[in-house]
Amino acid sequence: MLVEVKPYTPENSEAWNNFIAEADNSNFLFSRNFMDYHSDRFTDCSVMLFEENILIGVFPANKKDSTVYSHQGLTYGGLILKERRNEKKLLLYYYELFKYYHTNGSSEIVYKPIPNYISKTVNDLEHFILNMLKAEVIKVDTAFILDCKSELKFQERRKRSIKKGIKANTEVRYDNDLDGFWNKILEPNLRDKFGTKPVHSLAEIKLLHERFPDKIKQANAYINNEIVAGVTLFEFDTAVHCQYISSNDFGRDSGAIDLLFENLINIYKEKTAYFSLGTANNEGNDLNLGLCDWKEGWGSKIWAHFHYKFSLENLKNLERFTL
């Protein structure tokens, strides 16, 4: 069985995107129409895997010095495959992928598997392979996930806050007003409270919304016709993810942000399996316990996002599976 690994080039974008649309463990984040919005920030070293000249896998990646990253511009990634079955074949695919980078001078790989709740199929074979490669866990992100198939139990504080939001005459609008949210809520909040900026600029998120209008959406809460809170949503096949959550002080104290979330959860529980409230990580592996409490208040539980690092010298540990 001959597996050939070839570097991705822009001329392959159509073939890449067509593959992503059908692959077992993919979503729109791996489309080049999404990935390439920040191509100037990274040295891309993505590859495509072929078996008997048929495209069977893609690996979104970038390189810095001699380290290959499961793309740093994405929350997660890994090897995207047409089908995730037949363990002997899968082991060979991973071996050939990593051998390609080793042969081309890379010394280590930082790898971020796709979490199962956001994938069409279970991806746990990756963890076995990474263990064989003596990979080190360098970071664990805490994704707070609400299982929409289970009975929803909101914390009493959340219920009281929702009532406050109703009393304040909060209006929830699915209006895709990214400008209002970015300019009046998100950017000022991050700047004044944390001294940071959103990962996406307003121009970037508007570009991505234009490219993926059915996948990227904005819901906002208003009191007296003034925006006080909002959520930027990424919709996937099995989950909806809150990419940005923010409110001003009035939006929080009035209960508007909680009323907005009750509205969102009640809508999406009918159309998806999982509702992701995002992470509660500070820098490194530290946790924001106050944020944890708020996200747990909706009935969510932590699903871990693992970040691994391994030396390509350990590739020999997979050789016996390829014979």
C-alpha atoms as a PDB file:
ATOM      1  CA  MET A   1       0.000   0.000   0.000  1.00  0.00           C
ATOM      2  CA  LEU A   2       1.732   3.138  -1.229  1.00  0.00           C
ATOM      3  CA  VAL A   3       1.037   6.346   0.701  1.00  0.00           C
ATOM      4  CA  GLU A   4       2.466   9.557  -0.707  1.00  0.00           C
ATOM      5  CA  VAL A   5       2.676  12.806   1.269  1.00  0.00           C
ATOM      6  CA  LYS A   6       2.800  16.034  -0.748  1.00  0.00           C
ATOM      7  CA  PRO A   7       3.084  19.650   0.418  1.00  0.00           C
ATOM      8  CA  TYR A   8      -0.036  21.771   0.080  1.00  0.00           C
ATOM      9  CA  THR A   9       0.123  24.647  -2.415  1.00  0.00           C
ATOM     10  CA  PRO A  10      -2.529  27.288  -3.177  1.00  0.00           C
ATOM     11  CA  GLU A  11      -3.153  25.550  -6.504  1.00  0.00           C
ATOM     12  CA  ASN A  12      -4.577  22.643  -4.459  1.00  0.00           C
ATOM     13  CA  SER A  13      -7.106  24.773  -2.550  1.00  0.00           C
ATOM     14  CA  GLU A  14     -10.164  23.487  -4.425  1.00  0.00           C
ATOM     15  CA  ALA A  15      -9.165  19.847  -3.946  1.00  0.00           C
ATOM     16  CA  TRP A  16      -8.403  20.543  -0.267  1.00  0.00           C
ATOM     17  CA  ASN A  17     -11.753  22.252   0.346  1.00  0.00           C
ATOM     18  CA  ASN A  18     -13.717  19.565  -1.490  1.00  0.00           C
ATOM     19  CA  PHE A  19     -12.021  16.953   0.675  1.00  0.00           C
ATOM     20  CA  ILE A  20     -12.724  18.858   3.898  1.00  0.00           C
ATOM     21  CA  ALA A  21     -16.428  19.017   3.036  1.00  0.00           C
ATOM     22  CA  GLU A  22     -16.682  15.212   3.042  1.00  0.00           C
ATOM     23  CA  ALA A  23     -14.018  14.010   5.505  1.00  0.00           C
ATOM     24  CA  ASP A  24     -14.917  12.057   8.637  1.00  0.00           C
ATOM     25  CA  ASN A  25     -13.412  14.367  11.261  1.00  0.00           C
ATOM     26  CA  SER A  26     -13.513  17.769   9.581  1.00  0.00           C
ATOM     27  CA  ASN A  27     -15.364  21.052   9.871  1.00  0.00           C
ATOM     28  CA  PHE A  28     -15.301  24.431   8.166  1.00  0.00           C
ATOM     29  CA  LEU A  29     -12.348  25.661  10.251  1.00  0.00           C
ATOM     30  CA  PHE A  30     -10.105  23.457   8.108  1.00  0.00           C
ATOM     31  CA  SER A  31     -11.280  24.993   4.857  1.00  0.00           C
ATOM     32  CA  ARG A  32      -8.599  27.098   3.200  1.00  0.00           C
ATOM     33  CA  ASN A  33     -11.242  29.835   2.976  1.00  0.00           C
ATOM     34  CA  PHE A  34     -11.096  29.973   6.771  1.00  0.00           C
ATOM     35  CA  MET A  35      -7.457  29.096   7.442  1.00  0.00           C
ATOM     36  CA  ASP A  36      -5.946  31.502   4.954  1.00  0.00           C
ATOM     37  CA  TYR A  37      -7.461  34.664   6.419  1.00  0.00           C
ATOM     38  CA  HIS A  38      -4.339  34.863   8.623  1.00  0.00           C
ATOM     39  CA  SER A  39      -1.847  33.195   6.271  1.00  0.00           C
ATOM     40  CA  ASP A  40       0.532  36.141   6.662  1.00  0.00           C
ATOM     41  CA  ARG A  41       1.060  35.252  10.340  1.00  0.00           C
ATOM     42  CA  PHE A  42       2.301  31.709   9.810  1.00  0.00           C
ATOM     43  CA  THR A  43       4.722  29.730   7.667  1.00  0.00           C
ATOM     44  CA  ASP A  44       2.340  27.119   6.289  1.00  0.00           C
ATOM     45  CA  CYS A  45       3.631  23.563   5.953  1.00  0.00           C
ATOM     46  CA  SER A  46       0.326  21.736   5.484  1.00  0.00           C
ATOM     47  CA  VAL A  47       0.384  18.466   3.541  1.00  0.00           C
ATOM     48  CA  MET A  48      -1.965  16.199   1.608  1.00  0.00           C
ATOM     49  CA  LEU A  49      -1.878  12.387   1.784  1.00  0.00           C
ATOM     50  CA  PHE A  50      -2.576  10.213  -1.258  1.00  0.00           C
ATOM     51  CA  GLU A  51      -3.113   6.479  -1.539  1.00  0.00           C
ATOM     52  CA  GLU A  52      -2.828   5.177  -5.102  1.00  0.00           C
ATOM     53  CA  ASN A  53      -3.220   8.805  -6.286  1.00  0.00           C
ATOM     54  CA  ILE A  54      -6.471   9.251  -4.353  1.00  0.00           C
ATOM     55  CA  LEU A  55      -6.587  11.994  -1.720  1.00  0.00           C
ATOM     56  CA  ILE A  56      -7.239  10.304   1.628  1.00  0.00           C
ATOM     57  CA  GLY A  57      -6.058  12.876   4.179  1.00  0.00           C
ATOM     58  CA  VAL A  58      -4.910  16.435   4.863  1.00  0.00           C
ATOM     59  CA  PHE A  59      -2.898  17.862   7.740  1.00  0.00           C
ATOM     60  CA  PRO A  60      -3.241  21.614   8.480  1.00  0.00           C
ATOM     61  CA  ALA A  61       0.114  22.738   9.862  1.00  0.00           C
ATOM     62  CA  ASN A  62       2.628  25.528  10.163  1.00  0.00           C
ATOM     63  CA  LYS A  63       6.322  25.533  10.961  1.00  0.00           C
ATOM     64  CA  LYS A  64       8.521  27.608  13.237  1.00  0.00           C
ATOM     65  CA  ASP A  65      12.228  26.833  13.255  1.00  0.00           C
ATOM     66  CA  SER A  66      12.396  23.012  13.316  1.00  0.00           C
ATOM     67  CA  THR A  67       9.029  22.499  15.013  1.00  0.00           C
ATOM     68  CA  VAL A  68       5.875  21.582  13.085  1.00  0.00           C
ATOM     69  CA  TYR A  69       2.626  22.722  14.691  1.00  0.00           C
ATOM     70  CA  SER A  70      -0.821  21.262  14.255  1.00  0.00           C
ATOM     71  CA  HIS A  71      -1.811  24.643  12.981  1.00  0.00           C
ATOM     72  CA  GLN A  72      -1.295  27.430  15.546  1.00  0.00           C
ATOM     73  CA  GLY A  73      -4.059  29.465  13.956  1.00  0.00           C
ATOM     74  CA  LEU A  74      -6.618  26.791  14.895  1.00  0.00           C
ATOM     75  CA  THR A  75      -7.870  25.686  18.306  1.00  0.00           C
ATOM     76  CA  TYR A  76      -7.408  22.040  17.352  1.00  0.00           C
ATOM     77  CA  GLY A  77      -6.458  20.084  14.259  1.00  0.00           C
ATOM     78  CA  GLY A  78      -4.599  16.900  13.551  1.00  0.00           C
ATOM     79  CA  LEU A  79      -4.781  14.558  10.590  1.00  0.00           C
ATOM     80  CA  ILE A  80      -8.098  14.921   8.739  1.00  0.00           C
ATOM     81  CA  LEU A  81      -9.072  11.655   7.051  1.00  0.00           C
ATOM     82  CA  LYS A  82     -11.664  10.544   4.537  1.00  0.00           C
ATOM     83  CA  GLU A  83     -12.477   7.545   6.709  1.00  0.00           C
ATOM     84  CA  ARG A  84     -11.304   6.659  10.195  1.00  0.00           C
ATOM     85  CA  ARG A  85     -11.409   2.878  10.018  1.00  0.00           C
ATOM     86  CA  ASN A  86      -8.977  -0.033   9.607  1.00  0.00           C
ATOM     87  CA  GLU A  87      -6.401   0.534  12.354  1.00  0.00           C
ATOM     88  CA  LYS A  88      -3.521  -0.907  10.325  1.00  0.00           C
ATOM     89  CA  LYS A  89      -4.096   1.647   7.564  1.00  0.00           C
ATOM     90  CA  LEU A  90      -4.532   4.476  10.044  1.00  0.00           C
ATOM     91  CA  LEU A  91      -1.258   3.674  11.769  1.00  0.00           C
ATOM     92  CA  LEU A  92       0.480   3.698   8.400  1.00  0.00           C
ATOM     93  CA  TYR A  93      -1.031   7.080   7.521  1.00  0.00           C
ATOM     94  CA  TYR A  94       0.259   8.643  10.737  1.00  0.00           C
ATOM     95  CA  TYR A  95       3.657   7.049  10.298  1.00  0.00           C
ATOM     96  CA  GLU A  96       4.036   8.344   6.739  1.00  0.00           C
ATOM     97  CA  LEU A  97       2.826  11.808   7.774  1.00  0.00           C
ATOM     98  CA  PHE A  98       5.362  12.163  10.556  1.00  0.00           C
ATOM     99  CA  LYS A  99       8.131  10.524   8.499  1.00  0.00           C
ATOM    100  CA  TYR A 100       7.632  13.194   5.829  1.00  0.00           C
ATOM    101  CA  TYR A 101       8.390  15.978   8.294  1.00  0.00           C
ATOM    102  CA  HIS A 102      11.307  14.073   9.824  1.00  0.00           C
ATOM    103  CA  THR A 103      12.823  13.481   6.383  1.00  0.00           C
ATOM    104  CA  ASN A 104      12.446  17.169   5.593  1.00  0.00           C
ATOM    105  CA  GLY A 105      14.410  18.342   8.614  1.00  0.00           C
ATOM    106  CA  SER A 106      11.840  18.855  11.366  1.00  0.00           C
ATOM    107  CA  SER A 107      12.725  17.685  14.876  1.00  0.00           C
ATOM    108  CA  GLU A 108       9.427  17.769  16.777  1.00  0.00           C
ATOM    109  CA  ILE A 109       5.676  18.145  16.344  1.00  0.00           C
ATOM    110  CA  VAL A 110       3.102  19.915  18.493  1.00  0.00           C
ATOM    111  CA  TYR A 111      -0.177  18.110  17.888  1.00  0.00           C
ATOM    112  CA  LYS A 112      -3.730  19.117  18.926  1.00  0.00           C
ATOM    113  CA  PRO A 113      -6.298  16.335  18.356  1.00  0.00           C
ATOM    114  CA  ILE A 114      -9.857  17.241  17.476  1.00  0.00           C
ATOM    115  CA  PRO A 115     -12.118  16.738  20.532  1.00  0.00           C
ATOM    116  CA  ASN A 116     -14.762  14.081  19.999  1.00  0.00           C
ATOM    117  CA  TYR A 117     -17.772  16.295  20.746  1.00  0.00           C
ATOM    118  CA  ILE A 118     -17.031  18.480  17.736  1.00  0.00           C
ATOM    119  CA  SER A 119     -16.105  15.690  15.324  1.00  0.00           C
ATOM    120  CA  LYS A 120     -18.321  13.483  13.184  1.00  0.00           C
ATOM    121  CA  THR A 121     -16.424  10.432  14.433  1.00  0.00           C
ATOM    122  CA  VAL A 122     -14.447   9.375  17.512  1.00  0.00           C
ATOM    123  CA  ASN A 123     -10.741  10.236  17.245  1.00  0.00           C
ATOM    124  CA  ASP A 124      -9.221   8.403  20.200  1.00  0.00           C
ATOM    125  CA  LEU A 125      -6.751   6.329  18.178  1.00  0.00           C
ATOM    126  CA  GLU A 126      -4.650   9.490  18.004  1.00  0.00           C
ATOM    127  CA  HIS A 127      -4.054   9.391  21.750  1.00  0.00           C
ATOM    128  CA  PHE A 128      -2.791   5.807  21.487  1.00  0.00           C
ATOM    129  CA  ILE A 129      -0.417   6.777  18.680  1.00  0.00           C
ATOM    130  CA  LEU A 130       0.837   9.825  20.576  1.00  0.00           C
ATOM    131  CA  ASN A 131       1.474   7.641  23.608  1.00  0.00           C
ATOM    132  CA  MET A 132       3.522   5.282  21.408  1.00  0.00           C
ATOM    133  CA  LEU A 133       5.543   8.305  20.313  1.00  0.00           C
ATOM    134  CA  LYS A 134       6.168   9.214  23.976  1.00  0.00           C
ATOM    135  CA  ALA A 135       4.373  12.509  23.474  1.00  0.00           C
ATOM    136  CA  GLU A 136       4.280  14.949  26.384  1.00  0.00           C
ATOM    137  CA  VAL A 137       1.046  16.727  27.320  1.00  0.00           C
ATOM    138  CA  ILE A 138       2.068  20.382  27.315  1.00  0.00           C
ATOM    139  CA  LYS A 139      -1.341  21.974  27.798  1.00  0.00           C
ATOM    140  CA  VAL A 140      -4.937  21.006  28.565  1.00  0.00           C
ATOM    141  CA  ASP A 141      -7.720  23.419  27.615  1.00  0.00           C
ATOM    142  CA  THR A 142     -10.983  23.167  29.536  1.00  0.00           C
ATOM    143  CA  ALA A 143     -13.933  23.234  27.153  1.00  0.00           C
ATOM    144  CA  PHE A 144     -17.259  23.577  28.999  1.00  0.00           C
ATOM    145  CA  ILE A 145     -19.774  21.463  27.105  1.00  0.00           C
ATOM    146  CA  LEU A 146     -23.494  21.131  27.613  1.00  0.00           C
ATOM    147  CA  ASP A 147     -24.898  17.771  26.460  1.00  0.00           C
ATOM    148  CA  CYS A 148     -28.147  18.728  24.745  1.00  0.00           C
ATOM    149  CA  LYS A 149     -29.373  15.137  24.918  1.00  0.00           C
ATOM    150  CA  SER A 150     -29.462  15.286  28.720  1.00  0.00           C
ATOM    151  CA  GLU A 151     -31.947  17.065  30.942  1.00  0.00           C
ATOM    152  CA  LEU A 152     -30.886  20.690  31.301  1.00  0.00           C
ATOM    153  CA  LYS A 153     -30.467  21.844  34.900  1.00  0.00           C
ATOM    154  CA  PHE A 154     -29.610  25.509  35.366  1.00  0.00           C
ATOM    155  CA  GLN A 155     -28.018  26.788  38.565  1.00  0.00           C
ATOM    156  CA  GLU A 156     -30.407  28.761  40.837  1.00  0.00           C
ATOM    157  CA  ARG A 157     -28.283  31.893  40.435  1.00  0.00           C
ATOM    158  CA  ARG A 158     -28.644  31.620  36.674  1.00  0.00           C
ATOM    159  CA  LYS A 159     -32.429  31.293  37.051  1.00  0.00           C
ATOM    160  CA  ARG A 160     -32.584  34.396  39.247  1.00  0.00           C
ATOM    161  CA  SER A 161     -30.438  36.318  36.790  1.00  0.00           C
ATOM    162  CA  ILE A 162     -32.680  35.271  33.898  1.00  0.00           C
ATOM    163  CA  LYS A 163     -35.672  36.700  35.773  1.00  0.00           C
ATOM    164  CA  LYS A 164     -33.745  39.968  36.202  1.00  0.00           C
ATOM    165  CA  GLY A 165     -33.105  40.026  32.467  1.00  0.00           C
ATOM    166  CA  ILE A 166     -36.814  39.581  31.762  1.00  0.00           C
ATOM    167  CA  LYS A 167     -37.695  42.346  34.244  1.00  0.00           C
ATOM    168  CA  ALA A 168     -35.201  44.665  32.511  1.00  0.00           C
ATOM    169  CA  ASN A 169     -37.052  44.087  29.207  1.00  0.00           C
ATOM    170  CA  THR A 170     -34.008  42.534  27.559  1.00  0.00           C
ATOM    171  CA  GLU A 171     -34.450  41.877  23.861  1.00  0.00           C
ATOM    172  CA  VAL A 172     -32.498  39.069  22.185  1.00  0.00           C
ATOM    173  CA  ARG A 173     -31.760  39.580  18.509  1.00  0.00           C
ATOM    174  CA  TYR A 174     -30.128  37.171  16.070  1.00  0.00           C
ATOM    175  CA  ASP A 175     -29.073  40.113  13.950  1.00  0.00           C
ATOM    176  CA  ASN A 176     -25.451  39.289  13.009  1.00  0.00           C
ATOM    177  CA  ASP A 177     -24.464  42.797  14.146  1.00  0.00           C
ATOM    178  CA  LEU A 178     -20.746  42.130  14.493  1.00  0.00           C
ATOM    179  CA  ASP A 179     -19.883  45.828  14.313  1.00  0.00           C
ATOM    180  CA  GLY A 180     -21.952  46.742  17.357  1.00  0.00           C
ATOM    181  CA  PHE A 181     -20.680  43.789  19.394  1.00  0.00           C
ATOM    182  CA  TRP A 182     -17.006  44.317  18.521  1.00  0.00           C
ATOM    183  CA  ASN A 183     -16.971  48.104  18.855  1.00  0.00           C
ATOM    184  CA  LYS A 184     -19.243  48.595  21.869  1.00  0.00           C
ATOM    185  CA  ILE A 185     -18.817  45.402  23.903  1.00  0.00           C
ATOM    186  CA  LEU A 186     -16.056  42.926  23.037  1.00  0.00           C
ATOM    187  CA  GLU A 187     -13.054  45.126  22.261  1.00  0.00           C
ATOM    188  CA  PRO A 188     -13.656  47.669  25.082  1.00  0.00           C
ATOM    189  CA  ASN A 189     -14.246  44.838  27.575  1.00  0.00           C
ATOM    190  CA  LEU A 190     -11.071  42.940  26.668  1.00  0.00           C
ATOM    191  CA  ARG A 191      -9.008  46.129  26.537  1.00  0.00           C
ATOM    192  CA  ASP A 192     -10.184  47.650  29.811  1.00  0.00           C
ATOM    193  CA  LYS A 193     -10.381  44.482  31.942  1.00  0.00           C
ATOM    194  CA  PHE A 194      -7.629  42.291  30.543  1.00  0.00           C
ATOM    195  CA  GLY A 195      -5.421  44.501  28.359  1.00  0.00           C
ATOM    196  CA  THR A 196      -5.967  42.167  25.397  1.00  0.00           C
ATOM    197  CA  LYS A 197      -7.663  42.048  22.010  1.00  0.00           C
ATOM    198  CA  PRO A 198      -9.910  39.440  20.382  1.00  0.00           C
ATOM    199  CA  VAL A 199      -8.091  36.831  18.299  1.00  0.00           C
ATOM    200  CA  HIS A 200     -10.044  38.069  15.268  1.00  0.00           C
ATOM    201  CA  SER A 201     -10.172  41.726  14.343  1.00  0.00           C
ATOM    202  CA  LEU A 202     -13.550  43.124  13.311  1.00  0.00           C
ATOM    203  CA  ALA A 203     -12.458  43.109   9.665  1.00  0.00           C
ATOM    204  CA  GLU A 204     -11.366  39.460   9.944  1.00  0.00           C
ATOM    205  CA  ILE A 205     -14.538  38.172  11.603  1.00  0.00           C
ATOM    206  CA  LYS A 206     -16.680  40.058   9.089  1.00  0.00           C
ATOM    207  CA  LEU A 207     -14.695  38.501   6.239  1.00  0.00           C
ATOM    208  CA  LEU A 208     -15.159  35.027   7.741  1.00  0.00           C
ATOM    209  CA  HIS A 209     -18.876  35.660   8.271  1.00  0.00           C
ATOM    210  CA  GLU A 210     -19.180  36.635   4.611  1.00  0.00           C
ATOM    211  CA  ARG A 211     -17.431  33.413   3.606  1.00  0.00           C
ATOM    212  CA  PHE A 212     -19.407  31.214   6.019  1.00  0.00           C
ATOM    213  CA  PRO A 213     -22.761  32.957   6.647  1.00  0.00           C
ATOM    214  CA  ASP A 214     -24.451  29.692   7.642  1.00  0.00           C
ATOM    215  CA  LYS A 215     -21.680  28.767  10.078  1.00  0.00           C
ATOM    216  CA  ILE A 216     -20.672  32.020  11.809  1.00  0.00           C
ATOM    217  CA  LYS A 217     -23.471  33.980  13.479  1.00  0.00           C
ATOM    218  CA  GLN A 218     -23.927  36.756  16.009  1.00  0.00           C
ATOM    219  CA  ALA A 219     -26.613  37.021  18.693  1.00  0.00           C
ATOM    220  CA  ASN A 220     -26.911  40.143  20.848  1.00  0.00           C
ATOM    221  CA  ALA A 221     -28.899  41.356  23.862  1.00  0.00           C
ATOM    222  CA  TYR A 222     -30.358  44.861  23.981  1.00  0.00           C
ATOM    223  CA  ILE A 223     -31.930  46.986  26.691  1.00  0.00           C
ATOM    224  CA  ASN A 224     -33.687  50.172  25.598  1.00  0.00           C
ATOM    225  CA  ASN A 225     -32.327  49.455  22.120  1.00  0.00           C
ATOM    226  CA  GLU A 226     -28.716  49.600  23.348  1.00  0.00           C
ATOM    227  CA  ILE A 227     -26.467  46.563  22.961  1.00  0.00           C
ATOM    228  CA  VAL A 228     -25.328  45.276  26.362  1.00  0.00           C
ATOM    229  CA  ALA A 229     -24.106  41.722  25.605  1.00  0.00           C
ATOM    230  CA  GLY A 230     -23.417  39.350  22.746  1.00  0.00           C
ATOM    231  CA  VAL A 231     -22.204  35.934  21.639  1.00  0.00           C
ATOM    232  CA  THR A 232     -20.384  34.991  18.432  1.00  0.00           C
ATOM    233  CA  LEU A 233     -21.392  31.472  17.392  1.00  0.00           C
ATOM    234  CA  PHE A 234     -19.613  28.875  15.256  1.00  0.00           C
ATOM    235  CA  GLU A 235     -21.963  26.115  14.081  1.00  0.00           C
ATOM    236  CA  PHE A 236     -20.646  22.621  13.362  1.00  0.00           C
ATOM    237  CA  ASP A 237     -22.314  19.357  12.398  1.00  0.00           C
ATOM    238  CA  THR A 238     -22.503  18.035  15.956  1.00  0.00           C
ATOM    239  CA  ALA A 239     -22.079  21.155  18.096  1.00  0.00           C
ATOM    240  CA  VAL A 240     -22.421  24.900  18.346  1.00  0.00           C
ATOM    241  CA  HIS A 241     -19.485  26.760  19.877  1.00  0.00           C
ATOM    242  CA  CYS A 242     -19.488  30.172  21.577  1.00  0.00           C
ATOM    243  CA  GLN A 243     -16.354  31.709  20.093  1.00  0.00           C
ATOM    244  CA  TYR A 244     -16.775  35.047  21.890  1.00  0.00           C
ATOM    245  CA  ILE A 245     -18.914  35.851  24.944  1.00  0.00           C
ATOM    246  CA  SER A 246     -18.950  39.370  26.347  1.00  0.00           C
ATOM    247  CA  SER A 247     -21.119  41.927  28.076  1.00  0.00           C
ATOM    248  CA  ASN A 248     -20.694  45.341  29.621  1.00  0.00           C
ATOM    249  CA  ASP A 249     -21.260  45.791  33.360  1.00  0.00           C
ATOM    250  CA  PHE A 250     -24.906  46.718  32.855  1.00  0.00           C
ATOM    251  CA  GLY A 251     -25.486  43.668  30.661  1.00  0.00           C
ATOM    252  CA  ARG A 252     -24.134  41.443  33.409  1.00  0.00           C
ATOM    253  CA  ASP A 253     -25.787  43.175  36.390  1.00  0.00           C
ATOM    254  CA  SER A 254     -29.179  43.383  34.664  1.00  0.00           C
ATOM    255  CA  GLY A 255     -29.202  39.672  33.818  1.00  0.00           C
ATOM    256  CA  ALA A 256     -29.215  40.372  30.073  1.00  0.00           C
ATOM    257  CA  ILE A 257     -26.255  38.056  29.358  1.00  0.00           C
ATOM    258  CA  ASP A 258     -28.001  35.206  31.197  1.00  0.00           C
ATOM    259  CA  LEU A 259     -31.285  35.764  29.405  1.00  0.00           C
ATOM    260  CA  LEU A 260     -29.362  35.710  26.137  1.00  0.00           C
ATOM    261  CA  PHE A 261     -27.814  32.362  27.056  1.00  0.00           C
ATOM    262  CA  GLU A 262     -31.097  30.810  28.126  1.00  0.00           C
ATOM    263  CA  ASN A 263     -32.484  31.815  24.735  1.00  0.00           C
ATOM    264  CA  LEU A 264     -29.478  30.377  22.876  1.00  0.00           C
ATOM    265  CA  ILE A 265     -29.466  27.086  24.759  1.00  0.00           C
ATOM    266  CA  ASN A 266     -33.200  26.538  24.319  1.00  0.00           C
ATOM    267  CA  ILE A 267     -32.883  27.106  20.574  1.00  0.00           C
ATOM    268  CA  TYR A 268     -29.791  24.998  19.974  1.00  0.00           C
ATOM    269  CA  LYS A 269     -30.761  22.073  22.208  1.00  0.00           C
ATOM    270  CA  GLU A 270     -33.350  21.195  19.547  1.00  0.00           C
ATOM    271  CA  LYS A 271     -30.886  21.199  16.651  1.00  0.00           C
ATOM    272  CA  THR A 272     -27.481  20.023  17.877  1.00  0.00           C
ATOM    273  CA  ALA A 273     -25.920  17.446  20.191  1.00  0.00           C
ATOM    274  CA  TYR A 274     -23.561  19.700  22.142  1.00  0.00           C
ATOM    275  CA  PHE A 275     -23.451  23.351  23.186  1.00  0.00           C
ATOM    276  CA  SER A 276     -19.916  24.599  23.839  1.00  0.00           C
ATOM    277  CA  LEU A 277     -19.443  27.576  26.141  1.00  0.00           C
ATOM    278  CA  GLY A 278     -15.716  27.657  25.375  1.00  0.00           C
ATOM    279  CA  THR A 279     -12.805  27.428  27.783  1.00  0.00           C
ATOM    280  CA  ALA A 280     -12.058  28.989  31.159  1.00  0.00           C
ATOM    281  CA  ASN A 281      -8.284  28.938  30.903  1.00  0.00           C
ATOM    282  CA  ASN A 282      -6.026  31.791  31.900  1.00  0.00           C
ATOM    283  CA  GLU A 283      -2.479  31.880  30.586  1.00  0.00           C
ATOM    284  CA  GLY A 284      -0.777  28.499  30.579  1.00  0.00           C
ATOM    285  CA  ASN A 285      -2.659  25.803  32.475  1.00  0.00           C
ATOM    286  CA  ASP A 286      -4.263  28.100  35.042  1.00  0.00           C
ATOM    287  CA  LEU A 287      -8.059  28.215  35.502  1.00  0.00           C
ATOM    288  CA  ASN A 288     -10.381  31.185  35.917  1.00  0.00           C
ATOM    289  CA  LEU A 289     -12.545  29.697  38.682  1.00  0.00           C
ATOM    290  CA  GLY A 290     -15.143  32.474  38.549  1.00  0.00           C
ATOM    291  CA  LEU A 291     -15.675  31.825  34.847  1.00  0.00           C
ATOM    292  CA  CYS A 292     -15.762  28.074  35.554  1.00  0.00           C
ATOM    293  CA  ASP A 293     -18.597  28.634  38.031  1.00  0.00           C
ATOM    294  CA  TRP A 294     -20.625  30.699  35.549  1.00  0.00           C
ATOM    295  CA  LYS A 295     -20.223  28.142  32.760  1.00  0.00           C
ATOM    296  CA  GLU A 296     -20.989  25.215  35.059  1.00  0.00           C
ATOM    297  CA  GLY A 297     -24.122  27.110  36.090  1.00  0.00           C
ATOM    298  CA  TRP A 298     -25.712  26.143  32.768  1.00  0.00           C
ATOM    299  CA  GLY A 299     -25.162  22.439  33.421  1.00  0.00           C
ATOM    300  CA  SER A 300     -21.992  22.130  31.344  1.00  0.00           C
ATOM    301  CA  LYS A 301     -19.060  19.838  32.140  1.00  0.00           C
ATOM    302  CA  ILE A 302     -15.422  19.927  31.106  1.00  0.00           C
ATOM    303  CA  TRP A 303     -14.226  18.124  28.008  1.00  0.00           C
ATOM    304  CA  ALA A 304     -10.457  18.339  27.689  1.00  0.00           C
ATOM    305  CA  HIS A 305      -8.564  19.662  24.669  1.00  0.00           C
ATOM    306  CA  PHE A 306      -5.081  18.125  24.768  1.00  0.00           C
ATOM    307  CA  HIS A 307      -1.935  19.710  23.350  1.00  0.00           C
ATOM    308  CA  TYR A 308       0.900  17.224  22.787  1.00  0.00           C
ATOM    309  CA  LYS A 309       4.553  17.552  21.839  1.00  0.00           C
ATOM    310  CA  PHE A 310       6.846  14.745  20.709  1.00  0.00           C
ATOM    311  CA  SER A 311      10.260  14.247  19.176  1.00  0.00           C
ATOM    312  CA  LEU A 312      10.340  12.803  15.675  1.00  0.00           C
ATOM    313  CA  GLU A 313      13.233  10.632  16.831  1.00  0.00           C
ATOM    314  CA  ASN A 314      10.518   8.497  18.440  1.00  0.00           C
ATOM    315  CA  LEU A 315       8.996   7.705  15.057  1.00  0.00           C
ATOM    316  CA  LYS A 316      10.791   4.360  15.160  1.00  0.00           C
ATOM    317  CA  ASN A 317       8.242   3.269  17.765  1.00  0.00           C
ATOM    318  CA  LEU A 318       5.591   3.075  15.031  1.00  0.00           C
ATOM    319  CA  GLU A 319       7.645   1.144  12.498  1.00  0.00           C
ATOM    320  CA  ARG A 320       6.478  -2.282  13.627  1.00  0.00           C
ATOM    321  CA  PHE A 321       2.892  -1.324  12.805  1.00  0.00           C
ATOM    322  CA  THR A 322       3.772  -0.541   9.183  1.00  0.00           C
ATOM    323  CA  LEU A 323       5.307  -3.901   8.236  1.00  0.00           C
END
